[in-house]
N, C-alpha and C. Protein backbone atom coordinates (compact mmCIF):
# COMPACT_ATOMS: atom_id res chain seq x y z
N MET A 1 21.15 30.76 32.17
CA MET A 1 20.40 29.57 31.82
C MET A 1 21.11 28.36 32.42
N SER A 2 20.37 27.53 33.13
CA SER A 2 20.97 26.36 33.76
C SER A 2 20.91 25.16 32.82
N THR A 3 21.86 24.27 33.02
CA THR A 3 21.94 23.06 32.22
C THR A 3 21.61 21.86 33.10
N THR A 4 20.72 21.02 32.65
CA THR A 4 20.36 19.83 33.40
C THR A 4 21.05 18.64 32.76
N ILE A 5 21.69 17.85 33.58
CA ILE A 5 22.39 16.67 33.08
C ILE A 5 21.72 15.44 33.68
N HIS A 6 21.39 14.52 32.84
CA HIS A 6 20.75 13.27 33.27
C HIS A 6 21.84 12.24 33.54
N ASN A 7 21.87 11.73 34.77
CA ASN A 7 22.85 10.72 35.14
C ASN A 7 22.12 9.42 35.44
N PRO A 8 22.13 8.46 34.52
CA PRO A 8 21.40 7.21 34.74
C PRO A 8 21.94 6.41 35.93
N ASP A 9 23.22 6.56 36.25
CA ASP A 9 23.79 5.85 37.40
C ASP A 9 23.12 6.29 38.71
N GLN A 10 22.86 7.58 38.83
CA GLN A 10 22.19 8.08 40.03
C GLN A 10 20.77 7.51 40.14
N HIS A 11 20.07 7.47 39.03
CA HIS A 11 18.70 6.95 39.04
C HIS A 11 18.68 5.46 39.38
N MET A 12 19.62 4.71 38.85
CA MET A 12 19.67 3.28 39.15
C MET A 12 20.04 3.03 40.60
N ALA A 13 20.93 3.82 41.14
CA ALA A 13 21.30 3.68 42.55
C ALA A 13 20.10 4.00 43.45
N ALA A 14 19.35 5.02 43.11
CA ALA A 14 18.16 5.37 43.89
C ALA A 14 17.11 4.27 43.79
N LEU A 15 16.93 3.70 42.61
CA LEU A 15 15.97 2.61 42.44
C LEU A 15 16.39 1.38 43.24
N ARG A 16 17.69 1.05 43.21
CA ARG A 16 18.18 -0.09 44.00
C ARG A 16 17.91 0.12 45.49
N THR A 17 18.10 1.33 45.96
CA THR A 17 17.87 1.64 47.37
C THR A 17 16.39 1.46 47.71
N ILE A 18 15.52 1.96 46.88
CA ILE A 18 14.08 1.84 47.11
C ILE A 18 13.66 0.37 47.13
N VAL A 19 14.14 -0.40 46.18
CA VAL A 19 13.79 -1.83 46.10
C VAL A 19 14.35 -2.58 47.29
N ALA A 20 15.59 -2.31 47.68
CA ALA A 20 16.23 -3.02 48.79
C ALA A 20 15.53 -2.76 50.12
N GLN A 21 15.06 -1.54 50.33
CA GLN A 21 14.40 -1.21 51.59
C GLN A 21 13.01 -1.82 51.69
N GLY A 22 12.35 -1.99 50.58
CA GLY A 22 11.04 -2.62 50.56
C GLY A 22 9.93 -1.81 51.19
N ARG A 23 10.12 -0.54 51.41
CA ARG A 23 9.10 0.29 52.07
C ARG A 23 8.20 1.03 51.09
N LYS A 24 8.68 1.25 49.90
CA LYS A 24 7.90 2.00 48.92
C LYS A 24 7.43 1.07 47.82
N ARG A 25 6.25 1.36 47.34
CA ARG A 25 5.72 0.59 46.22
C ARG A 25 6.27 1.17 44.92
N ILE A 26 6.59 0.28 44.02
CA ILE A 26 7.05 0.73 42.71
C ILE A 26 6.22 0.02 41.66
N GLY A 27 6.10 0.63 40.54
CA GLY A 27 5.38 0.04 39.42
C GLY A 27 6.20 0.19 38.16
N LEU A 28 6.07 -0.76 37.28
CA LEU A 28 6.77 -0.70 36.01
C LEU A 28 5.75 -0.61 34.89
N LEU A 29 5.94 0.32 34.00
CA LEU A 29 5.07 0.46 32.85
C LEU A 29 5.79 -0.13 31.64
N ILE A 30 5.14 -1.09 31.03
CA ILE A 30 5.72 -1.74 29.86
C ILE A 30 4.94 -1.27 28.65
N GLY A 31 5.64 -0.80 27.66
CA GLY A 31 5.00 -0.28 26.46
C GLY A 31 4.28 -1.35 25.66
N ALA A 32 3.38 -0.90 24.81
CA ALA A 32 2.58 -1.81 24.01
C ALA A 32 3.43 -2.64 23.04
N GLY A 33 4.59 -2.17 22.71
CA GLY A 33 5.44 -2.90 21.77
C GLY A 33 6.29 -3.99 22.41
N ALA A 34 6.22 -4.13 23.74
CA ALA A 34 7.06 -5.11 24.43
C ALA A 34 6.85 -6.54 23.91
N PRO A 35 5.61 -7.03 23.74
CA PRO A 35 5.45 -8.40 23.23
C PRO A 35 5.99 -8.59 21.82
N ALA A 36 6.03 -7.52 21.03
CA ALA A 36 6.57 -7.63 19.67
C ALA A 36 8.08 -7.84 19.71
N GLY A 37 8.72 -7.49 20.82
CA GLY A 37 10.16 -7.68 20.97
C GLY A 37 10.53 -9.06 21.46
N MET A 38 9.54 -9.84 21.83
CA MET A 38 9.79 -11.21 22.31
C MET A 38 9.47 -12.19 21.18
N LYS A 39 10.29 -13.20 21.02
CA LYS A 39 10.06 -14.19 19.96
C LYS A 39 9.24 -15.36 20.49
N ASP A 40 8.54 -16.04 19.58
CA ASP A 40 7.80 -17.23 19.97
C ASP A 40 8.79 -18.36 20.28
N GLU A 41 8.28 -19.51 20.66
CA GLU A 41 9.15 -20.61 21.08
C GLU A 41 10.17 -21.00 20.02
N GLY A 42 9.77 -20.97 18.77
CA GLY A 42 10.68 -21.32 17.70
C GLY A 42 11.64 -20.20 17.32
N GLY A 43 11.42 -19.02 17.86
CA GLY A 43 12.27 -17.87 17.54
C GLY A 43 12.03 -17.32 16.15
N ASN A 44 10.87 -17.66 15.57
CA ASN A 44 10.59 -17.28 14.19
C ASN A 44 9.91 -15.93 14.01
N ARG A 45 9.03 -15.59 14.96
CA ARG A 45 8.24 -14.37 14.80
C ARG A 45 7.96 -13.79 16.17
N PRO A 46 7.46 -12.56 16.22
CA PRO A 46 7.15 -11.96 17.52
C PRO A 46 6.08 -12.78 18.26
N LEU A 47 6.18 -12.79 19.56
CA LEU A 47 5.20 -13.49 20.39
C LEU A 47 3.80 -12.95 20.10
N ILE A 48 3.64 -11.65 20.16
CA ILE A 48 2.42 -10.97 19.75
C ILE A 48 2.85 -9.90 18.76
N PRO A 49 2.34 -9.93 17.54
CA PRO A 49 2.81 -8.98 16.53
C PRO A 49 2.40 -7.55 16.84
N ALA A 50 3.18 -6.61 16.31
CA ALA A 50 2.83 -5.20 16.39
C ALA A 50 1.65 -4.97 15.44
N VAL A 51 1.16 -3.77 15.38
CA VAL A 51 -0.05 -3.47 14.61
C VAL A 51 0.08 -3.88 13.14
N ALA A 52 1.22 -3.60 12.53
CA ALA A 52 1.38 -3.95 11.11
C ALA A 52 1.29 -5.46 10.91
N GLY A 53 1.97 -6.22 11.74
CA GLY A 53 1.92 -7.67 11.63
C GLY A 53 0.55 -8.22 11.95
N LEU A 54 -0.10 -7.66 12.94
CA LEU A 54 -1.44 -8.07 13.32
C LEU A 54 -2.41 -7.79 12.18
N THR A 55 -2.28 -6.64 11.56
CA THR A 55 -3.13 -6.27 10.43
C THR A 55 -2.98 -7.29 9.31
N ASP A 56 -1.74 -7.60 8.92
CA ASP A 56 -1.51 -8.56 7.84
C ASP A 56 -2.11 -9.93 8.14
N ARG A 57 -1.87 -10.41 9.36
CA ARG A 57 -2.36 -11.75 9.71
C ARG A 57 -3.88 -11.81 9.75
N VAL A 58 -4.51 -10.81 10.35
CA VAL A 58 -5.98 -10.82 10.45
C VAL A 58 -6.62 -10.68 9.08
N LEU A 59 -6.17 -9.71 8.30
CA LEU A 59 -6.78 -9.49 6.99
C LEU A 59 -6.55 -10.66 6.04
N THR A 60 -5.41 -11.31 6.15
CA THR A 60 -5.16 -12.50 5.33
C THR A 60 -6.15 -13.61 5.69
N THR A 61 -6.43 -13.77 6.97
CA THR A 61 -7.34 -14.82 7.41
C THR A 61 -8.77 -14.56 6.98
N VAL A 62 -9.25 -13.32 7.10
CA VAL A 62 -10.65 -13.04 6.76
C VAL A 62 -10.84 -12.68 5.29
N ASP A 63 -9.77 -12.62 4.52
CA ASP A 63 -9.83 -12.22 3.12
C ASP A 63 -10.70 -13.16 2.28
N SER A 64 -10.71 -14.45 2.60
CA SER A 64 -11.48 -15.39 1.78
C SER A 64 -12.97 -15.07 1.83
N VAL A 65 -13.45 -14.49 2.92
CA VAL A 65 -14.87 -14.17 3.04
C VAL A 65 -15.13 -12.69 2.75
N TYR A 66 -14.24 -11.83 3.20
CA TYR A 66 -14.48 -10.38 3.14
C TYR A 66 -13.46 -9.64 2.26
N GLY A 67 -12.84 -10.32 1.34
CA GLY A 67 -11.82 -9.69 0.50
C GLY A 67 -12.30 -8.48 -0.27
N LYS A 68 -13.50 -8.58 -0.84
CA LYS A 68 -14.05 -7.46 -1.61
C LYS A 68 -14.26 -6.23 -0.72
N GLN A 69 -14.79 -6.45 0.49
CA GLN A 69 -15.03 -5.34 1.41
C GLN A 69 -13.71 -4.75 1.91
N ILE A 70 -12.73 -5.60 2.17
CA ILE A 70 -11.42 -5.10 2.62
C ILE A 70 -10.81 -4.20 1.56
N SER A 71 -10.83 -4.64 0.31
CA SER A 71 -10.28 -3.82 -0.78
C SER A 71 -11.01 -2.50 -0.91
N ALA A 72 -12.33 -2.55 -0.83
CA ALA A 72 -13.12 -1.32 -0.97
C ALA A 72 -12.86 -0.37 0.19
N LEU A 73 -12.79 -0.90 1.40
CA LEU A 73 -12.53 -0.03 2.55
C LEU A 73 -11.14 0.59 2.48
N LYS A 74 -10.17 -0.17 1.99
CA LYS A 74 -8.81 0.37 1.87
C LYS A 74 -8.75 1.54 0.90
N THR A 75 -9.59 1.53 -0.15
CA THR A 75 -9.59 2.65 -1.09
C THR A 75 -10.19 3.90 -0.46
N GLU A 76 -11.06 3.72 0.54
CA GLU A 76 -11.71 4.85 1.20
C GLU A 76 -10.89 5.43 2.34
N LEU A 77 -10.04 4.61 2.94
CA LEU A 77 -9.32 5.01 4.15
C LEU A 77 -7.89 5.44 3.86
N LYS A 78 -7.41 6.43 4.60
CA LYS A 78 -6.01 6.85 4.46
C LYS A 78 -5.08 5.84 5.12
N LEU A 79 -5.47 5.35 6.30
CA LEU A 79 -4.67 4.37 7.02
C LEU A 79 -5.28 2.99 6.82
N HIS A 80 -4.43 2.00 6.65
CA HIS A 80 -4.91 0.64 6.39
C HIS A 80 -4.58 -0.32 7.53
N ASP A 81 -4.42 0.20 8.74
CA ASP A 81 -4.13 -0.67 9.88
C ASP A 81 -5.43 -1.27 10.41
N ILE A 82 -5.30 -2.32 11.20
CA ILE A 82 -6.47 -3.06 11.68
C ILE A 82 -7.36 -2.18 12.56
N GLU A 83 -6.78 -1.25 13.29
CA GLU A 83 -7.58 -0.37 14.15
C GLU A 83 -8.51 0.51 13.32
N THR A 84 -7.99 1.09 12.26
CA THR A 84 -8.78 1.97 11.40
C THR A 84 -9.85 1.18 10.66
N ILE A 85 -9.47 0.04 10.13
CA ILE A 85 -10.43 -0.79 9.40
C ILE A 85 -11.54 -1.28 10.32
N LEU A 86 -11.18 -1.76 11.50
CA LEU A 86 -12.19 -2.23 12.45
C LEU A 86 -13.11 -1.09 12.89
N SER A 87 -12.57 0.10 13.08
CA SER A 87 -13.41 1.25 13.44
C SER A 87 -14.43 1.54 12.35
N ARG A 88 -14.00 1.49 11.09
CA ARG A 88 -14.93 1.73 9.97
C ARG A 88 -15.97 0.63 9.89
N VAL A 89 -15.55 -0.61 10.05
CA VAL A 89 -16.49 -1.75 10.00
C VAL A 89 -17.54 -1.60 11.10
N ARG A 90 -17.12 -1.27 12.30
CA ARG A 90 -18.06 -1.10 13.41
C ARG A 90 -19.01 0.07 13.17
N ALA A 91 -18.49 1.16 12.62
CA ALA A 91 -19.35 2.31 12.33
C ALA A 91 -20.40 1.94 11.29
N LEU A 92 -19.98 1.24 10.25
CA LEU A 92 -20.93 0.82 9.21
C LEU A 92 -21.98 -0.13 9.78
N SER A 93 -21.57 -1.01 10.69
CA SER A 93 -22.52 -1.96 11.26
C SER A 93 -23.60 -1.24 12.07
N LYS A 94 -23.27 -0.09 12.63
CA LYS A 94 -24.23 0.64 13.46
C LYS A 94 -25.19 1.52 12.65
N VAL A 95 -24.74 2.01 11.50
CA VAL A 95 -25.55 3.00 10.78
C VAL A 95 -26.28 2.46 9.55
N LEU A 96 -25.89 1.32 9.03
CA LEU A 96 -26.45 0.89 7.76
C LEU A 96 -27.86 0.31 7.84
N GLY A 97 -28.14 -0.45 8.85
CA GLY A 97 -29.44 -1.12 8.88
C GLY A 97 -29.52 -2.10 7.72
N SER A 98 -30.59 -2.00 6.91
CA SER A 98 -30.75 -2.93 5.78
C SER A 98 -30.11 -2.41 4.49
N SER A 99 -29.62 -1.16 4.51
CA SER A 99 -28.93 -0.62 3.33
C SER A 99 -27.60 -1.34 3.16
N LYS A 100 -27.12 -1.37 1.92
CA LYS A 100 -25.86 -2.08 1.67
C LYS A 100 -24.78 -1.13 1.18
N VAL A 101 -23.58 -1.38 1.67
CA VAL A 101 -22.37 -0.70 1.20
C VAL A 101 -21.36 -1.80 0.94
N HIS A 102 -20.83 -1.84 -0.27
CA HIS A 102 -19.89 -2.88 -0.69
C HIS A 102 -20.47 -4.28 -0.45
N GLU A 103 -21.76 -4.40 -0.76
CA GLU A 103 -22.49 -5.67 -0.73
C GLU A 103 -22.76 -6.24 0.66
N LEU A 104 -22.55 -5.45 1.71
CA LEU A 104 -22.89 -5.89 3.07
C LEU A 104 -23.82 -4.87 3.71
N ASP A 105 -24.81 -5.36 4.46
CA ASP A 105 -25.68 -4.48 5.24
C ASP A 105 -25.14 -4.37 6.66
N GLY A 106 -25.89 -3.74 7.55
CA GLY A 106 -25.43 -3.55 8.92
C GLY A 106 -25.10 -4.85 9.62
N ASP A 107 -25.97 -5.86 9.46
CA ASP A 107 -25.70 -7.16 10.08
C ASP A 107 -24.46 -7.83 9.49
N GLY A 108 -24.26 -7.65 8.19
CA GLY A 108 -23.07 -8.20 7.54
C GLY A 108 -21.79 -7.58 8.08
N TYR A 109 -21.83 -6.26 8.29
CA TYR A 109 -20.65 -5.60 8.86
C TYR A 109 -20.47 -5.97 10.33
N GLN A 110 -21.58 -6.27 11.03
CA GLN A 110 -21.46 -6.75 12.41
C GLN A 110 -20.71 -8.08 12.43
N GLU A 111 -21.06 -8.98 11.52
CA GLU A 111 -20.37 -10.27 11.43
C GLU A 111 -18.91 -10.09 11.02
N PHE A 112 -18.67 -9.17 10.10
CA PHE A 112 -17.32 -8.86 9.66
C PHE A 112 -16.48 -8.39 10.85
N GLY A 113 -17.02 -7.47 11.64
CA GLY A 113 -16.33 -6.98 12.83
C GLY A 113 -16.07 -8.10 13.83
N ASN A 114 -17.06 -8.97 14.01
CA ASN A 114 -16.90 -10.11 14.93
C ASN A 114 -15.79 -11.04 14.44
N SER A 115 -15.70 -11.24 13.13
CA SER A 115 -14.64 -12.08 12.57
C SER A 115 -13.27 -11.48 12.82
N ILE A 116 -13.15 -10.17 12.63
CA ILE A 116 -11.88 -9.49 12.88
C ILE A 116 -11.49 -9.65 14.35
N CYS A 117 -12.44 -9.39 15.25
CA CYS A 117 -12.15 -9.49 16.69
C CYS A 117 -11.79 -10.91 17.09
N SER A 118 -12.45 -11.88 16.50
CA SER A 118 -12.16 -13.28 16.80
C SER A 118 -10.73 -13.64 16.38
N GLU A 119 -10.33 -13.19 15.21
CA GLU A 119 -8.98 -13.47 14.73
C GLU A 119 -7.93 -12.75 15.58
N ILE A 120 -8.21 -11.53 15.98
CA ILE A 120 -7.28 -10.81 16.86
C ILE A 120 -7.12 -11.59 18.16
N GLY A 121 -8.24 -12.05 18.70
CA GLY A 121 -8.20 -12.82 19.94
C GLY A 121 -7.36 -14.08 19.81
N LYS A 122 -7.47 -14.78 18.69
CA LYS A 122 -6.68 -15.99 18.48
C LYS A 122 -5.19 -15.68 18.39
N ILE A 123 -4.85 -14.59 17.75
CA ILE A 123 -3.44 -14.24 17.55
C ILE A 123 -2.78 -13.80 18.85
N VAL A 124 -3.49 -13.02 19.65
CA VAL A 124 -2.87 -12.48 20.87
C VAL A 124 -3.05 -13.38 22.09
N ASP A 125 -3.76 -14.49 21.95
CA ASP A 125 -3.96 -15.42 23.06
C ASP A 125 -2.73 -16.30 23.21
N VAL A 126 -1.78 -15.82 23.98
CA VAL A 126 -0.52 -16.52 24.19
C VAL A 126 -0.53 -17.12 25.57
N LYS A 127 -0.40 -18.41 25.62
CA LYS A 127 -0.37 -19.09 26.90
C LYS A 127 1.07 -19.51 27.20
N PRO A 128 1.54 -19.22 28.41
CA PRO A 128 2.92 -19.60 28.76
C PRO A 128 3.06 -21.12 28.83
N GLN A 129 4.22 -21.61 28.42
CA GLN A 129 4.51 -23.02 28.50
C GLN A 129 5.01 -23.33 29.90
N ARG A 130 4.43 -24.33 30.52
CA ARG A 130 4.85 -24.70 31.86
C ARG A 130 5.84 -25.86 31.80
N GLU A 131 6.86 -25.71 32.59
CA GLU A 131 7.86 -26.78 32.67
C GLU A 131 7.48 -27.70 33.81
N ASN A 132 7.60 -29.02 33.59
CA ASN A 132 7.27 -29.99 34.64
C ASN A 132 8.46 -30.33 35.47
């Protein structure tokens, strides 16, 4: 049985050679959590929150209008992240029509989903500060 040893120095030397020669194209893949590792200008919070932070901020904002529906959906769902909640809201908006679930019909859930998406858009819309 052979043993494979990973030597990061060799990989970095090869990468430096590729970059220095400029003949090969390289690409960097940055994970979805990268913006959560960067702080905002004040250094107080992540530049763009991870899913848990995004969930808290969005649901807090729309709670004044949709608090009852949020609570009811959370009792039905195993996961309470914004992705799962938004998926359920969108599904309900497509299938309900004029029937009501948790006091909202299909159009009501459509508006609920639009509100969630609007808040997500506001939170993740980060514009870089330009220096003069």
